C-alpha atoms as a PDB file:
ATOM      1  CA  MET A   1     -23.407   4.693 -10.229  1.00  0.00           C
ATOM      2  CA  LYS A   2     -26.059   4.145 -12.859  1.00  0.00           C
ATOM      3  CA  LEU A   3     -25.462   3.354 -16.293  1.00  0.00           C
ATOM      4  CA  GLU A   4     -28.258   4.353 -18.856  1.00  0.00           C
ATOM      5  CA  GLN A   5     -28.615   3.550 -22.420  1.00  0.00           C
ATOM      6  CA  VAL A   6     -26.211   0.874 -22.681  1.00  0.00           C
ATOM      7  CA  VAL A   7     -25.794  -2.635 -24.320  1.00  0.00           C
ATOM      8  CA  VAL A   8     -24.684  -5.575 -22.106  1.00  0.00           C
ATOM      9  CA  GLU A   9     -23.620  -8.572 -23.312  1.00  0.00           C
ATOM     10  CA  ALA A  10     -25.520 -11.720 -21.519  1.00  0.00           C
ATOM     11  CA  LYS A  11     -22.769 -13.915 -21.768  1.00  0.00           C
ATOM     12  CA  ALA A  12     -20.084 -13.535 -18.722  1.00  0.00           C
ATOM     13  CA  ASN A  13     -16.335 -13.384 -19.205  1.00  0.00           C
ATOM     14  CA  VAL A  14     -15.413 -16.504 -16.860  1.00  0.00           C
ATOM     15  CA  TYR A  15     -11.997 -16.494 -15.969  1.00  0.00           C
ATOM     16  CA  PHE A  16      -9.964 -18.104 -12.441  1.00  0.00           C
ATOM     17  CA  GLU A  17     -12.250 -21.308 -12.567  1.00  0.00           C
ATOM     18  CA  GLY A  18     -14.964 -18.769 -12.268  1.00  0.00           C
ATOM     19  CA  LYS A  19     -13.637 -16.931  -9.020  1.00  0.00           C
ATOM     20  CA  VAL A  20     -13.658 -14.199 -11.803  1.00  0.00           C
ATOM     21  CA  ASN A  21     -16.318 -12.703 -13.540  1.00  0.00           C
ATOM     22  CA  SER A  22     -17.705  -9.833 -15.958  1.00  0.00           C
ATOM     23  CA  ARG A  23     -19.885  -8.506 -17.910  1.00  0.00           C
ATOM     24  CA  ASN A  24     -19.290  -6.105 -21.053  1.00  0.00           C
ATOM     25  CA  VAL A  25     -21.312  -3.551 -21.403  1.00  0.00           C
ATOM     26  CA  TYR A  26     -21.243  -1.048 -24.309  1.00  0.00           C
ATOM     27  CA  LEU A  27     -21.870   2.637 -24.038  1.00  0.00           C
ATOM     28  CA  PRO A  28     -23.736   5.000 -26.000  1.00  0.00           C
ATOM     29  CA  SER A  29     -20.508   6.189 -27.325  1.00  0.00           C
ATOM     30  CA  GLY A  30     -19.188   2.639 -28.570  1.00  0.00           C
ATOM     31  CA  ASP A  31     -16.746   2.354 -25.983  1.00  0.00           C
ATOM     32  CA  ARG A  32     -16.717  -0.611 -23.830  1.00  0.00           C
ATOM     33  CA  ILE A  33     -16.552  -1.037 -19.853  1.00  0.00           C
ATOM     34  CA  THR A  34     -16.543  -4.242 -17.585  1.00  0.00           C
ATOM     35  CA  LEU A  35     -18.727  -4.690 -14.718  1.00  0.00           C
ATOM     36  CA  GLY A  36     -17.279  -7.480 -12.715  1.00  0.00           C
ATOM     37  CA  PHE A  37     -16.908  -9.543  -9.381  1.00  0.00           C
ATOM     38  CA  MET A  38     -13.878 -11.144  -7.851  1.00  0.00           C
ATOM     39  CA  GLN A  39     -13.736 -14.122  -4.975  1.00  0.00           C
ATOM     40  CA  LYS A  40     -11.004 -14.213  -2.667  1.00  0.00           C
ATOM     41  CA  GLY A  41      -7.568 -15.167  -4.162  1.00  0.00           C
ATOM     42  CA  GLU A  42      -4.616 -13.711  -6.104  1.00  0.00           C
ATOM     43  CA  TYR A  43      -5.116 -13.308  -9.382  1.00  0.00           C
ATOM     44  CA  THR A  44      -2.331 -12.207 -12.306  1.00  0.00           C
ATOM     45  CA  PHE A  45      -4.321  -9.932 -15.210  1.00  0.00           C
ATOM     46  CA  GLY A  46      -2.632  -9.033 -18.649  1.00  0.00           C
ATOM     47  CA  THR A  47      -4.133  -5.801 -20.543  1.00  0.00           C
ATOM     48  CA  GLY A  48      -4.253  -4.941 -24.578  1.00  0.00           C
ATOM     49  CA  ASP A  49      -5.762  -1.309 -23.885  1.00  0.00           C
ATOM     50  CA  LYS A  50      -5.019   1.210 -21.032  1.00  0.00           C
ATOM     51  CA  GLU A  51      -7.424  -0.012 -18.179  1.00  0.00           C
ATOM     52  CA  ILE A  52      -9.320   2.598 -15.378  1.00  0.00           C
ATOM     53  CA  MET A  53     -10.175   0.705 -12.415  1.00  0.00           C
ATOM     54  CA  LYS A  54     -12.471   1.241  -9.723  1.00  0.00           C
ATOM     55  CA  LEU A  55     -13.492  -0.474  -6.933  1.00  0.00           C
ATOM     56  CA  LEU A  56     -17.346  -0.340  -6.297  1.00  0.00           C
ATOM     57  CA  GLY A  57     -17.369  -2.936  -3.108  1.00  0.00           C
ATOM     58  CA  GLY A  58     -15.162  -5.339  -1.240  1.00  0.00           C
ATOM     59  CA  ASP A  59     -11.508  -5.074  -0.775  1.00  0.00           C
ATOM     60  CA  MET A  60      -8.464  -4.801  -3.239  1.00  0.00           C
ATOM     61  CA  ARG A  61      -4.721  -4.891  -2.971  1.00  0.00           C
ATOM     62  CA  VAL A  62      -2.984  -4.263  -6.273  1.00  0.00           C
ATOM     63  CA  LEU A  63       0.358  -4.623  -7.505  1.00  0.00           C
ATOM     64  CA  LEU A  64       1.078  -2.583 -10.660  1.00  0.00           C
ATOM     65  CA  PRO A  65       3.864  -2.917 -13.703  1.00  0.00           C
ATOM     66  CA  ASN A  66       7.319  -1.516 -12.450  1.00  0.00           C
ATOM     67  CA  GLU A  67       6.077  -1.350  -8.425  1.00  0.00           C
ATOM     68  CA  SER A  68       7.566  -3.151  -5.687  1.00  0.00           C
ATOM     69  CA  GLU A  69       4.619  -2.142  -3.112  1.00  0.00           C
ATOM     70  CA  TRP A  70       1.128  -3.141  -3.030  1.00  0.00           C
ATOM     71  CA  GLN A  71      -1.117  -0.600  -2.688  1.00  0.00           C
ATOM     72  CA  ASP A  72      -4.532  -0.947  -0.418  1.00  0.00           C
ATOM     73  CA  ILE A  73      -7.504   0.060  -2.839  1.00  0.00           C
ATOM     74  CA  LYS A  74     -10.586   1.603  -0.939  1.00  0.00           C
ATOM     75  CA  ILE A  75     -14.192   1.682  -2.188  1.00  0.00           C
ATOM     76  CA  GLY A  76     -14.578   4.254  -4.323  1.00  0.00           C
ATOM     77  CA  GLU A  77     -10.807   4.804  -5.358  1.00  0.00           C
ATOM     78  CA  THR A  78      -9.330   3.882  -9.122  1.00  0.00           C
ATOM     79  CA  PHE A  79      -6.140   3.035 -10.389  1.00  0.00           C
ATOM     80  CA  GLU A  80      -4.551   2.730 -13.639  1.00  0.00           C
ATOM     81  CA  VAL A  81      -2.993   0.135 -15.861  1.00  0.00           C
ATOM     82  CA  PRO A  82      -0.655   0.528 -18.841  1.00  0.00           C
ATOM     83  CA  ALA A  83      -1.879  -1.129 -22.047  1.00  0.00           C
ATOM     84  CA  ASN A  84       0.449  -4.115 -22.856  1.00  0.00           C
ATOM     85  CA  SER A  85       1.315  -5.038 -19.400  1.00  0.00           C
ATOM     86  CA  SER A  86      -0.140  -7.280 -16.173  1.00  0.00           C
ATOM     87  CA  PHE A  87      -0.706  -6.599 -12.845  1.00  0.00           C
ATOM     88  CA  ASN A  88      -1.544  -8.515  -9.785  1.00  0.00           C
ATOM     89  CA  VAL A  89      -4.612  -8.159  -7.663  1.00  0.00           C
ATOM     90  CA  GLU A  90      -5.133  -9.952  -3.873  1.00  0.00           C
ATOM     91  CA  ILE A  91      -8.645  -9.880  -2.747  1.00  0.00           C
ATOM     92  CA  LYS A  92      -9.624 -10.732   0.623  1.00  0.00           C
ATOM     93  CA  GLU A  93     -13.391 -11.389   0.765  1.00  0.00           C
ATOM     94  CA  TYR A  94     -14.720 -10.145  -2.419  1.00  0.00           C
ATOM     95  CA  ALA A  95     -14.391  -6.920  -4.899  1.00  0.00           C
ATOM     96  CA  ASP A  96     -16.956  -5.574  -7.220  1.00  0.00           C
ATOM     97  CA  TYR A  97     -15.250  -3.612  -9.782  1.00  0.00           C
ATOM     98  CA  TYR A  98     -15.703  -1.230 -12.672  1.00  0.00           C
ATOM     99  CA  CYS A  99     -13.090  -1.183 -15.604  1.00  0.00           C
ATOM    100  CA  GLU A 100     -12.871   1.405 -18.646  1.00  0.00           C
ATOM    101  CA  TYR A 101     -10.762   0.590 -21.321  1.00  0.00           C
ATOM    102  CA  ILE A 102      -9.067   3.439 -23.277  1.00  0.00           C
ATOM    103  CA  LYS A 103      -7.380   2.923 -26.501  1.00  0.00           C
END
């Protein structure tokens, strides 16, 4: 994946004592995405907007809202999280990811 003609915020978004970080990237359309990295661990995230996440590298298991079973996400796969909800992820080693926000 290659992004062109974008604006990247230099300051990182840092969560969970530095184990999760991302950078805001603004596309030519004005839409915001994030490119991020998670270290080994389990995390719970809340959403404001609908999110579409894509795993770029590593591994990830996700428990989506109103679901009872974890899903294994493979490199190149995406999953959607509804707006105003929360979801859980489990990372065995690391996860390199892309997140798109849908208003």
